[in-house]
All heavy atoms as atom14 arrays in JSON, in Angstrom:
{
  "sequence": "CEAWNRRDLEAILSHYTDDVVLTSPMVVQRLGRPDGTVHGKAELRDYF",
  "atom14_mask": [
    [1, 1, 1, 1, 1, 1, 0, 0, 0, 0, 0, 0, 0, 0],
    [1, 1, 1, 1, 1, 1, 1, 1, 1, 0, 0, 0, 0, 0],
    [1, 1, 1, 1, 1, 0, 0, 0, 0, 0, 0, 0, 0, 0],
    [1, 1, 1, 1, 1, 1, 1, 1, 1, 1, 1, 1, 1, 1],
    [1, 1, 1, 1, 1, 1, 1, 1, 0, 0, 0, 0, 0, 0],
    [1, 1, 1, 1, 1, 1, 1, 1, 1, 1, 1, 0, 0, 0],
    [1, 1, 1, 1, 1, 1, 1, 1, 1, 1, 1, 0, 0, 0],
    [1, 1, 1, 1, 1, 1, 1, 1, 0, 0, 0, 0, 0, 0],
    [1, 1, 1, 1, 1, 1, 1, 1, 0, 0, 0, 0, 0, 0],
    [1, 1, 1, 1, 1, 1, 1, 1, 1, 0, 0, 0, 0, 0],
    [1, 1, 1, 1, 1, 0, 0, 0, 0, 0, 0, 0, 0, 0],
    [1, 1, 1, 1, 1, 1, 1, 1, 0, 0, 0, 0, 0, 0],
    [1, 1, 1, 1, 1, 1, 1, 1, 0, 0, 0, 0, 0, 0],
    [1, 1, 1, 1, 1, 1, 0, 0, 0, 0, 0, 0, 0, 0],
    [1, 1, 1, 1, 1, 1, 1, 1, 1, 1, 0, 0, 0, 0],
    [1, 1, 1, 1, 1, 1, 1, 1, 1, 1, 1, 1, 0, 0],
    [1, 1, 1, 1, 1, 1, 1, 0, 0, 0, 0, 0, 0, 0],
    [1, 1, 1, 1, 1, 1, 1, 1, 0, 0, 0, 0, 0, 0],
    [1, 1, 1, 1, 1, 1, 1, 1, 0, 0, 0, 0, 0, 0],
    [1, 1, 1, 1, 1, 1, 1, 0, 0, 0, 0, 0, 0, 0],
    [1, 1, 1, 1, 1, 1, 1, 0, 0, 0, 0, 0, 0, 0],
    [1, 1, 1, 1, 1, 1, 1, 1, 0, 0, 0, 0, 0, 0],
    [1, 1, 1, 1, 1, 1, 1, 0, 0, 0, 0, 0, 0, 0],
    [1, 1, 1, 1, 1, 1, 0, 0, 0, 0, 0, 0, 0, 0],
    [1, 1, 1, 1, 1, 1, 1, 0, 0, 0, 0, 0, 0, 0],
    [1, 1, 1, 1, 1, 1, 1, 1, 0, 0, 0, 0, 0, 0],
    [1, 1, 1, 1, 1, 1, 1, 0, 0, 0, 0, 0, 0, 0],
    [1, 1, 1, 1, 1, 1, 1, 0, 0, 0, 0, 0, 0, 0],
    [1, 1, 1, 1, 1, 1, 1, 1, 1, 0, 0, 0, 0, 0],
    [1, 1, 1, 1, 1, 1, 1, 1, 1, 1, 1, 0, 0, 0],
    [1, 1, 1, 1, 1, 1, 1, 1, 0, 0, 0, 0, 0, 0],
    [1, 1, 1, 1, 0, 0, 0, 0, 0, 0, 0, 0, 0, 0],
    [1, 1, 1, 1, 1, 1, 1, 1, 1, 1, 1, 0, 0, 0],
    [1, 1, 1, 1, 1, 1, 1, 0, 0, 0, 0, 0, 0, 0],
    [1, 1, 1, 1, 1, 1, 1, 1, 0, 0, 0, 0, 0, 0],
    [1, 1, 1, 1, 0, 0, 0, 0, 0, 0, 0, 0, 0, 0],
    [1, 1, 1, 1, 1, 1, 1, 0, 0, 0, 0, 0, 0, 0],
    [1, 1, 1, 1, 1, 1, 1, 0, 0, 0, 0, 0, 0, 0],
    [1, 1, 1, 1, 1, 1, 1, 1, 1, 1, 0, 0, 0, 0],
    [1, 1, 1, 1, 0, 0, 0, 0, 0, 0, 0, 0, 0, 0],
    [1, 1, 1, 1, 1, 1, 1, 1, 1, 0, 0, 0, 0, 0],
    [1, 1, 1, 1, 1, 0, 0, 0, 0, 0, 0, 0, 0, 0],
    [1, 1, 1, 1, 1, 1, 1, 1, 1, 0, 0, 0, 0, 0],
    [1, 1, 1, 1, 1, 1, 1, 1, 0, 0, 0, 0, 0, 0],
    [1, 1, 1, 1, 1, 1, 1, 1, 1, 1, 1, 0, 0, 0],
    [1, 1, 1, 1, 1, 1, 1, 1, 0, 0, 0, 0, 0, 0],
    [1, 1, 1, 1, 1, 1, 1, 1, 1, 1, 1, 1, 0, 0],
    [1, 1, 1, 1, 1, 1, 1, 1, 1, 1, 1, 0, 0, 0]
  ],
  "atom14_positions": [
    [[167.21, 77.96, 79.81], [166.92, 76.63, 80.26], [165.59, 76.53, 80.89], [164.82, 75.47, 80.59], [168.03, 76.06, 81.01], [169.54, 75.62, 80.26], [0.0, 0.0, 0.0], [0.0, 0.0, 0.0], [0.0, 0.0, 0.0], [0.0, 0.0, 0.0], [0.0, 0.0, 0.0], [0.0, 0.0, 0.0], [0.0, 0.0, 0.0], [0.0, 0.0, 0.0]],
    [[165.36, 77.37, 81.78], [163.97, 77.37, 82.55], [162.86, 77.5, 81.6], [161.79, 76.87, 81.73], [163.97, 78.34, 83.53], [164.87, 78.02, 84.77], [165.1, 79.19, 85.78], [164.46, 80.17, 85.71], [165.89, 78.96, 86.65], [0.0, 0.0, 0.0], [0.0, 0.0, 0.0], [0.0, 0.0, 0.0], [0.0, 0.0, 0.0], [0.0, 0.0, 0.0]],
    [[163.01, 78.29, 80.49], [161.91, 78.47, 79.53], [161.63, 77.26, 78.81], [160.52, 76.84, 78.46], [162.33, 79.72, 78.63], [0.0, 0.0, 0.0], [0.0, 0.0, 0.0], [0.0, 0.0, 0.0], [0.0, 0.0, 0.0], [0.0, 0.0, 0.0], [0.0, 0.0, 0.0], [0.0, 0.0, 0.0], [0.0, 0.0, 0.0], [0.0, 0.0, 0.0]],
    [[162.81, 76.53, 78.4], [162.62, 75.12, 77.77], [161.9, 74.29, 78.67], [160.99, 73.51, 78.26], [163.9, 74.64, 77.32], [164.34, 75.08, 76.03], [165.28, 76.13, 75.75], [163.93, 74.71, 74.7], [165.36, 76.26, 74.45], [164.62, 75.41, 73.81], [163.0, 73.65, 74.34], [164.35, 75.15, 72.34], [162.86, 73.42, 72.88], [163.49, 74.19, 71.97]],
    [[162.28, 74.18, 79.97], [161.65, 73.21, 80.91], [160.23, 73.56, 81.14], [159.41, 72.67, 81.43], [162.49, 73.28, 82.19], [163.83, 72.68, 81.93], [164.12, 71.98, 80.98], [164.74, 72.97, 82.83], [0.0, 0.0, 0.0], [0.0, 0.0, 0.0], [0.0, 0.0, 0.0], [0.0, 0.0, 0.0], [0.0, 0.0, 0.0], [0.0, 0.0, 0.0]],
    [[159.82, 74.81, 81.07], [158.41, 75.18, 81.2], [157.64, 75.09, 79.85], [156.47, 75.24, 79.91], [158.26, 76.73, 81.57], [158.72, 77.1, 82.9], [158.27, 78.56, 83.27], [158.48, 79.5, 82.3], [159.7, 80.23, 82.13], [160.68, 79.99, 82.97], [159.65, 81.09, 81.24], [0.0, 0.0, 0.0], [0.0, 0.0, 0.0], [0.0, 0.0, 0.0]],
    [[158.31, 74.89, 78.83], [157.74, 74.73, 77.42], [157.14, 76.06, 77.02], [156.01, 76.09, 76.43], [156.73, 73.6, 77.35], [157.42, 72.29, 77.37], [156.42, 71.14, 77.34], [156.97, 69.82, 76.83], [157.86, 69.08, 77.53], [158.27, 69.46, 78.67], [158.13, 67.91, 76.96], [0.0, 0.0, 0.0], [0.0, 0.0, 0.0], [0.0, 0.0, 0.0]],
    [[157.85, 77.2, 77.4], [157.38, 78.44, 77.09], [157.95, 79.02, 75.86], [159.11, 79.6, 75.92], [157.63, 79.38, 78.26], [157.04, 80.8, 78.12], [156.83, 81.27, 77.07], [157.0, 81.48, 79.19], [0.0, 0.0, 0.0], [0.0, 0.0, 0.0], [0.0, 0.0, 0.0], [0.0, 0.0, 0.0], [0.0, 0.0, 0.0], [0.0, 0.0, 0.0]],
    [[157.4, 78.86, 74.74], [158.04, 79.23, 73.45], [158.34, 80.62, 73.34], [159.45, 81.02, 72.77], [157.04, 78.69, 72.28], [157.64, 78.9, 70.84], [159.0, 78.21, 70.62], [156.54, 78.4, 69.86], [0.0, 0.0, 0.0], [0.0, 0.0, 0.0], [0.0, 0.0, 0.0], [0.0, 0.0, 0.0], [0.0, 0.0, 0.0], [0.0, 0.0, 0.0]],
    [[157.47, 81.47, 73.78], [157.71, 82.96, 73.62], [158.85, 83.34, 74.51], [159.76, 84.18, 74.05], [156.5, 83.74, 74.01], [155.39, 83.54, 73.06], [155.72, 83.74, 71.52], [156.45, 84.75, 71.32], [155.33, 82.97, 70.74], [0.0, 0.0, 0.0], [0.0, 0.0, 0.0], [0.0, 0.0, 0.0], [0.0, 0.0, 0.0], [0.0, 0.0, 0.0]],
    [[159.05, 82.79, 75.69], [160.24, 83.1, 76.57], [161.52, 82.6, 75.87], [162.51, 83.27, 75.97], [159.97, 82.5, 77.96], [0.0, 0.0, 0.0], [0.0, 0.0, 0.0], [0.0, 0.0, 0.0], [0.0, 0.0, 0.0], [0.0, 0.0, 0.0], [0.0, 0.0, 0.0], [0.0, 0.0, 0.0], [0.0, 0.0, 0.0], [0.0, 0.0, 0.0]],
    [[161.44, 81.44, 75.26], [162.58, 80.9, 74.58], [163.0, 81.81, 73.46], [164.2, 82.26, 73.33], [162.35, 79.5, 74.01], [162.11, 78.51, 75.17], [163.57, 79.01, 73.2], [161.38, 77.21, 74.65], [0.0, 0.0, 0.0], [0.0, 0.0, 0.0], [0.0, 0.0, 0.0], [0.0, 0.0, 0.0], [0.0, 0.0, 0.0], [0.0, 0.0, 0.0]],
    [[162.05, 82.2, 72.58], [162.36, 83.05, 71.37], [162.79, 84.35, 71.81], [163.56, 85.02, 71.03], [161.07, 83.14, 70.55], [160.73, 81.84, 69.78], [159.36, 81.94, 69.23], [161.72, 81.46, 68.75], [0.0, 0.0, 0.0], [0.0, 0.0, 0.0], [0.0, 0.0, 0.0], [0.0, 0.0, 0.0], [0.0, 0.0, 0.0], [0.0, 0.0, 0.0]],
    [[162.47, 84.9, 72.97], [162.97, 86.27, 73.41], [164.4, 86.42, 73.53], [164.93, 87.43, 73.59], [162.32, 86.65, 74.75], [162.83, 85.9, 75.81], [0.0, 0.0, 0.0], [0.0, 0.0, 0.0], [0.0, 0.0, 0.0], [0.0, 0.0, 0.0], [0.0, 0.0, 0.0], [0.0, 0.0, 0.0], [0.0, 0.0, 0.0], [0.0, 0.0, 0.0]],
    [[165.18, 85.18, 73.53], [166.63, 85.21, 73.66], [167.29, 85.35, 72.21], [168.55, 85.47, 72.16], [167.12, 83.98, 74.28], [166.73, 83.88, 75.76], [167.47, 84.37, 76.59], [165.58, 83.41, 76.32], [166.98, 84.19, 77.87], [165.85, 83.58, 77.67], [0.0, 0.0, 0.0], [0.0, 0.0, 0.0], [0.0, 0.0, 0.0], [0.0, 0.0, 0.0]],
    [[166.56, 85.61, 71.15], [167.0, 85.58, 69.81], [166.68, 86.8, 69.01], [165.61, 87.38, 69.32], [166.57, 84.25, 69.0], [167.01, 83.03, 69.71], [166.17, 82.36, 70.54], [168.18, 82.48, 69.44], [166.54, 81.3, 71.15], [168.69, 81.32, 70.11], [167.75, 80.76, 70.97], [168.19, 79.54, 71.54], [0.0, 0.0, 0.0], [0.0, 0.0, 0.0]],
    [[167.51, 87.31, 68.14], [167.13, 88.39, 67.27], [166.18, 87.87, 66.16], [166.01, 86.71, 65.94], [168.46, 88.84, 66.43], [169.01, 87.88, 65.62], [169.55, 89.37, 67.47], [0.0, 0.0, 0.0], [0.0, 0.0, 0.0], [0.0, 0.0, 0.0], [0.0, 0.0, 0.0], [0.0, 0.0, 0.0], [0.0, 0.0, 0.0], [0.0, 0.0, 0.0]],
    [[165.57, 88.91, 65.48], [164.57, 88.56, 64.53], [165.23, 87.76, 63.24], [164.64, 87.04, 62.54], [163.87, 89.75, 64.03], [162.86, 90.31, 65.04], [162.49, 89.56, 65.95], [162.43, 91.5, 64.93], [0.0, 0.0, 0.0], [0.0, 0.0, 0.0], [0.0, 0.0, 0.0], [0.0, 0.0, 0.0], [0.0, 0.0, 0.0], [0.0, 0.0, 0.0]],
    [[166.58, 88.16, 63.08], [167.29, 87.68, 61.88], [168.17, 86.52, 62.28], [169.23, 86.2, 61.58], [167.94, 88.66, 61.09], [169.04, 89.51, 61.94], [168.99, 89.3, 63.22], [169.81, 90.22, 61.32], [0.0, 0.0, 0.0], [0.0, 0.0, 0.0], [0.0, 0.0, 0.0], [0.0, 0.0, 0.0], [0.0, 0.0, 0.0], [0.0, 0.0, 0.0]],
    [[167.97, 85.78, 63.4], [168.86, 84.74, 63.88], [169.1, 83.76, 62.78], [168.23, 83.42, 61.93], [168.15, 84.13, 65.09], [166.8, 83.39, 64.8], [169.15, 83.2, 65.76], [0.0, 0.0, 0.0], [0.0, 0.0, 0.0], [0.0, 0.0, 0.0], [0.0, 0.0, 0.0], [0.0, 0.0, 0.0], [0.0, 0.0, 0.0], [0.0, 0.0, 0.0]],
    [[170.24, 83.14, 62.83], [170.62, 81.93, 62.05], [171.11, 80.85, 62.96], [172.04, 81.16, 63.7], [171.64, 82.27, 60.84], [172.09, 81.1, 60.26], [171.3, 83.4, 60.0], [0.0, 0.0, 0.0], [0.0, 0.0, 0.0], [0.0, 0.0, 0.0], [0.0, 0.0, 0.0], [0.0, 0.0, 0.0], [0.0, 0.0, 0.0], [0.0, 0.0, 0.0]],
    [[170.51, 79.78, 62.94], [170.83, 78.69, 63.87], [171.13, 77.42, 63.11], [170.35, 77.1, 62.11], [169.64, 78.41, 64.87], [169.86, 77.24, 65.85], [169.3, 77.72, 67.26], [169.23, 75.93, 65.41], [0.0, 0.0, 0.0], [0.0, 0.0, 0.0], [0.0, 0.0, 0.0], [0.0, 0.0, 0.0], [0.0, 0.0, 0.0], [0.0, 0.0, 0.0]],
    [[172.2, 76.8, 63.45], [172.66, 75.59, 62.77], [172.76, 74.48, 63.89], [173.37, 74.65, 64.86], [173.99, 75.72, 62.08], [173.79, 76.81, 61.04], [174.38, 74.47, 61.32], [0.0, 0.0, 0.0], [0.0, 0.0, 0.0], [0.0, 0.0, 0.0], [0.0, 0.0, 0.0], [0.0, 0.0, 0.0], [0.0, 0.0, 0.0], [0.0, 0.0, 0.0]],
    [[172.15, 73.26, 63.57], [172.1, 72.26, 64.56], [171.87, 70.85, 63.86], [171.05, 70.82, 62.88], [170.91, 72.44, 65.6], [170.76, 71.35, 66.38], [0.0, 0.0, 0.0], [0.0, 0.0, 0.0], [0.0, 0.0, 0.0], [0.0, 0.0, 0.0], [0.0, 0.0, 0.0], [0.0, 0.0, 0.0], [0.0, 0.0, 0.0], [0.0, 0.0, 0.0]],
    [[172.48, 69.77, 64.34], [172.17, 68.59, 63.79], [170.62, 68.12, 63.95], [170.12, 67.35, 63.25], [172.99, 67.59, 64.67], [174.02, 68.36, 65.4], [173.5, 69.77, 65.4], [0.0, 0.0, 0.0], [0.0, 0.0, 0.0], [0.0, 0.0, 0.0], [0.0, 0.0, 0.0], [0.0, 0.0, 0.0], [0.0, 0.0, 0.0], [0.0, 0.0, 0.0]],
    [[170.03, 68.77, 64.96], [168.51, 68.52, 65.26], [167.7, 69.12, 64.1], [166.54, 68.62, 63.81], [168.16, 69.03, 66.56], [168.81, 68.2, 67.73], [168.6, 66.44, 67.72], [166.77, 66.37, 68.1], [0.0, 0.0, 0.0], [0.0, 0.0, 0.0], [0.0, 0.0, 0.0], [0.0, 0.0, 0.0], [0.0, 0.0, 0.0], [0.0, 0.0, 0.0]],
    [[168.21, 70.14, 63.45], [167.47, 70.75, 62.24], [167.51, 69.69, 61.19], [166.56, 69.54, 60.45], [168.11, 72.06, 61.82], [167.45, 72.55, 60.49], [167.96, 73.16, 62.95], [0.0, 0.0, 0.0], [0.0, 0.0, 0.0], [0.0, 0.0, 0.0], [0.0, 0.0, 0.0], [0.0, 0.0, 0.0], [0.0, 0.0, 0.0], [0.0, 0.0, 0.0]],
    [[168.58, 69.02, 60.99], [168.62, 67.88, 59.95], [167.59, 66.87, 60.28], [166.8, 66.54, 59.45], [170.05, 67.34, 59.89], [170.06, 66.23, 58.87], [171.04, 68.36, 59.52], [0.0, 0.0, 0.0], [0.0, 0.0, 0.0], [0.0, 0.0, 0.0], [0.0, 0.0, 0.0], [0.0, 0.0, 0.0], [0.0, 0.0, 0.0], [0.0, 0.0, 0.0]],
    [[167.54, 66.44, 61.57], [166.64, 65.42, 61.98], [165.2, 65.81, 61.91], [164.35, 65.2, 61.38], [166.94, 65.0, 63.38], [166.17, 63.88, 63.95], [166.56, 63.53, 65.36], [167.68, 63.62, 65.72], [165.6, 63.09, 66.16], [0.0, 0.0, 0.0], [0.0, 0.0, 0.0], [0.0, 0.0, 0.0], [0.0, 0.0, 0.0], [0.0, 0.0, 0.0]],
    [[164.87, 66.96, 62.52], [163.42, 67.37, 62.67], [162.84, 67.99, 61.33], [161.66, 67.81, 61.0], [163.28, 68.5, 63.68], [163.49, 67.93, 65.06], [163.1, 69.04, 66.19], [163.45, 68.5, 67.44], [164.2, 69.13, 68.31], [164.56, 70.41, 67.98], [164.56, 68.78, 69.47], [0.0, 0.0, 0.0], [0.0, 0.0, 0.0], [0.0, 0.0, 0.0]],
    [[163.68, 68.69, 60.53], [163.17, 69.44, 59.4], [163.68, 68.82, 58.06], [163.2, 69.28, 57.02], [163.51, 70.9, 59.43], [163.02, 71.69, 60.71], [163.56, 73.19, 60.61], [161.61, 71.54, 60.81], [0.0, 0.0, 0.0], [0.0, 0.0, 0.0], [0.0, 0.0, 0.0], [0.0, 0.0, 0.0], [0.0, 0.0, 0.0], [0.0, 0.0, 0.0]],
    [[164.77, 67.88, 58.1], [165.17, 67.28, 56.96], [165.99, 68.2, 56.05], [166.11, 67.99, 54.85], [0.0, 0.0, 0.0], [0.0, 0.0, 0.0], [0.0, 0.0, 0.0], [0.0, 0.0, 0.0], [0.0, 0.0, 0.0], [0.0, 0.0, 0.0], [0.0, 0.0, 0.0], [0.0, 0.0, 0.0], [0.0, 0.0, 0.0], [0.0, 0.0, 0.0]],
    [[166.53, 69.21, 56.71], [167.41, 70.1, 55.94], [168.79, 69.67, 55.99], [169.49, 69.72, 57.16], [167.26, 71.52, 56.53], [165.98, 72.14, 56.37], [165.88, 73.54, 56.82], [164.49, 74.14, 56.61], [164.2, 75.35, 56.97], [165.11, 76.13, 57.39], [163.07, 75.83, 56.81], [0.0, 0.0, 0.0], [0.0, 0.0, 0.0], [0.0, 0.0, 0.0]],
    [[169.48, 69.28, 54.94], [170.82, 68.85, 54.98], [171.85, 69.79, 55.46], [172.88, 69.34, 56.1], [171.08, 68.5, 53.43], [169.75, 68.36, 52.77], [168.78, 69.23, 53.57], [0.0, 0.0, 0.0], [0.0, 0.0, 0.0], [0.0, 0.0, 0.0], [0.0, 0.0, 0.0], [0.0, 0.0, 0.0], [0.0, 0.0, 0.0], [0.0, 0.0, 0.0]],
    [[171.59, 71.07, 55.34], [172.6, 72.04, 55.84], [172.38, 72.36, 57.35], [173.2, 73.06, 58.05], [172.63, 73.39, 55.08], [171.26, 74.2, 55.26], [170.33, 73.69, 55.83], [171.22, 75.31, 54.8], [0.0, 0.0, 0.0], [0.0, 0.0, 0.0], [0.0, 0.0, 0.0], [0.0, 0.0, 0.0], [0.0, 0.0, 0.0], [0.0, 0.0, 0.0]],
    [[171.21, 71.82, 57.85], [171.09, 71.93, 59.35], [170.75, 73.38, 59.86], [170.98, 73.59, 61.03], [0.0, 0.0, 0.0], [0.0, 0.0, 0.0], [0.0, 0.0, 0.0], [0.0, 0.0, 0.0], [0.0, 0.0, 0.0], [0.0, 0.0, 0.0], [0.0, 0.0, 0.0], [0.0, 0.0, 0.0], [0.0, 0.0, 0.0], [0.0, 0.0, 0.0]],
    [[170.32, 74.22, 58.95], [170.2, 75.58, 59.33], [168.75, 76.19, 59.18], [168.08, 75.85, 58.21], [171.1, 76.49, 58.47], [172.46, 76.0, 58.57], [171.1, 77.93, 58.78], [0.0, 0.0, 0.0], [0.0, 0.0, 0.0], [0.0, 0.0, 0.0], [0.0, 0.0, 0.0], [0.0, 0.0, 0.0], [0.0, 0.0, 0.0], [0.0, 0.0, 0.0]],
    [[168.35, 76.95, 60.1], [167.14, 77.76, 60.1], [167.5, 79.27, 60.05], [168.48, 79.65, 60.57], [166.08, 77.5, 61.27], [165.59, 76.06, 61.13], [166.65, 77.75, 62.56], [0.0, 0.0, 0.0], [0.0, 0.0, 0.0], [0.0, 0.0, 0.0], [0.0, 0.0, 0.0], [0.0, 0.0, 0.0], [0.0, 0.0, 0.0], [0.0, 0.0, 0.0]],
    [[166.66, 80.03, 59.36], [166.96, 81.49, 59.13], [165.76, 82.27, 59.71], [164.69, 82.05, 59.14], [167.25, 81.69, 57.7], [168.35, 81.06, 57.06], [169.63, 81.59, 57.14], [168.51, 79.86, 56.42], [170.42, 80.69, 56.53], [169.74, 79.63, 56.21], [0.0, 0.0, 0.0], [0.0, 0.0, 0.0], [0.0, 0.0, 0.0], [0.0, 0.0, 0.0]],
    [[165.98, 83.12, 60.54], [164.99, 84.08, 61.01], [164.08, 83.44, 62.14], [163.98, 82.21, 62.33], [0.0, 0.0, 0.0], [0.0, 0.0, 0.0], [0.0, 0.0, 0.0], [0.0, 0.0, 0.0], [0.0, 0.0, 0.0], [0.0, 0.0, 0.0], [0.0, 0.0, 0.0], [0.0, 0.0, 0.0], [0.0, 0.0, 0.0], [0.0, 0.0, 0.0]],
    [[163.46, 84.37, 62.86], [162.61, 83.93, 63.99], [161.43, 83.04, 63.65], [161.11, 82.21, 64.32], [162.25, 85.07, 64.92], [161.98, 84.73, 66.24], [161.64, 85.9, 67.15], [162.94, 86.32, 67.9], [162.59, 87.35, 68.91], [0.0, 0.0, 0.0], [0.0, 0.0, 0.0], [0.0, 0.0, 0.0], [0.0, 0.0, 0.0], [0.0, 0.0, 0.0]],
    [[160.75, 83.32, 62.49], [159.65, 82.6, 62.0], [160.05, 81.05, 61.93], [159.26, 80.2, 62.36], [159.03, 83.13, 60.85], [0.0, 0.0, 0.0], [0.0, 0.0, 0.0], [0.0, 0.0, 0.0], [0.0, 0.0, 0.0], [0.0, 0.0, 0.0], [0.0, 0.0, 0.0], [0.0, 0.0, 0.0], [0.0, 0.0, 0.0], [0.0, 0.0, 0.0]],
    [[161.15, 80.85, 61.15], [161.54, 79.45, 61.09], [161.97, 78.8, 62.46], [161.78, 77.63, 62.69], [162.79, 79.32, 60.07], [162.29, 79.53, 58.67], [163.46, 79.32, 57.6], [164.55, 78.92, 58.04], [163.19, 79.46, 56.39], [0.0, 0.0, 0.0], [0.0, 0.0, 0.0], [0.0, 0.0, 0.0], [0.0, 0.0, 0.0], [0.0, 0.0, 0.0]],
    [[162.68, 79.64, 63.25], [163.07, 79.23, 64.44], [161.96, 78.81, 65.31], [161.92, 77.76, 66.07], [163.93, 80.34, 65.21], [164.63, 79.85, 66.49], [165.72, 78.76, 66.18], [165.24, 81.08, 67.26], [0.0, 0.0, 0.0], [0.0, 0.0, 0.0], [0.0, 0.0, 0.0], [0.0, 0.0, 0.0], [0.0, 0.0, 0.0], [0.0, 0.0, 0.0]],
    [[160.83, 79.59, 65.26], [159.63, 79.27, 66.06], [159.08, 77.87, 65.66], [158.75, 77.05, 66.58], [158.51, 80.34, 65.74], [157.14, 80.09, 66.42], [156.23, 81.04, 65.99], [156.6, 82.47, 66.33], [156.44, 82.99, 67.58], [155.97, 82.25, 68.56], [156.86, 84.14, 67.87], [0.0, 0.0, 0.0], [0.0, 0.0, 0.0], [0.0, 0.0, 0.0]],
    [[158.93, 77.61, 64.38], [158.55, 76.23, 63.89], [159.39, 75.21, 64.42], [158.92, 74.07, 64.9], [158.4, 76.25, 62.38], [158.01, 74.96, 61.81], [156.94, 74.42, 62.29], [158.68, 74.35, 61.09], [0.0, 0.0, 0.0], [0.0, 0.0, 0.0], [0.0, 0.0, 0.0], [0.0, 0.0, 0.0], [0.0, 0.0, 0.0], [0.0, 0.0, 0.0]],
    [[160.8, 75.38, 64.31], [161.69, 74.43, 64.64], [161.63, 74.14, 66.23], [161.52, 72.93, 66.63], [163.09, 74.79, 64.26], [164.22, 74.02, 64.91], [164.44, 72.72, 64.72], [165.12, 74.78, 65.74], [165.48, 72.06, 65.26], [166.14, 73.98, 66.29], [166.34, 72.7, 66.09], [167.29, 72.01, 66.68], [0.0, 0.0, 0.0], [0.0, 0.0, 0.0]],
    [[161.56, 75.16, 66.96], [161.51, 75.0, 68.42], [160.18, 74.37, 68.92], [160.11, 73.69, 69.8], [161.79, 76.32, 69.21], [163.13, 76.68, 69.25], [163.51, 77.99, 69.64], [164.19, 75.88, 68.94], [164.87, 78.43, 69.79], [165.55, 76.26, 69.02], [165.86, 77.58, 69.41], [0.0, 0.0, 0.0], [0.0, 0.0, 0.0], [0.0, 0.0, 0.0]]
  ]
}
């Protein structure tokens, strides 16, 4: 939470594996993906 509040992307990403899979309604909103899913840290970086 503190990393988000500081807007520290690298600190946020340090909490996830390289092969993370994240599903969220915000993925639908921000990325226009109907399944709401991002795959891997590179996609997660863009989303965050």
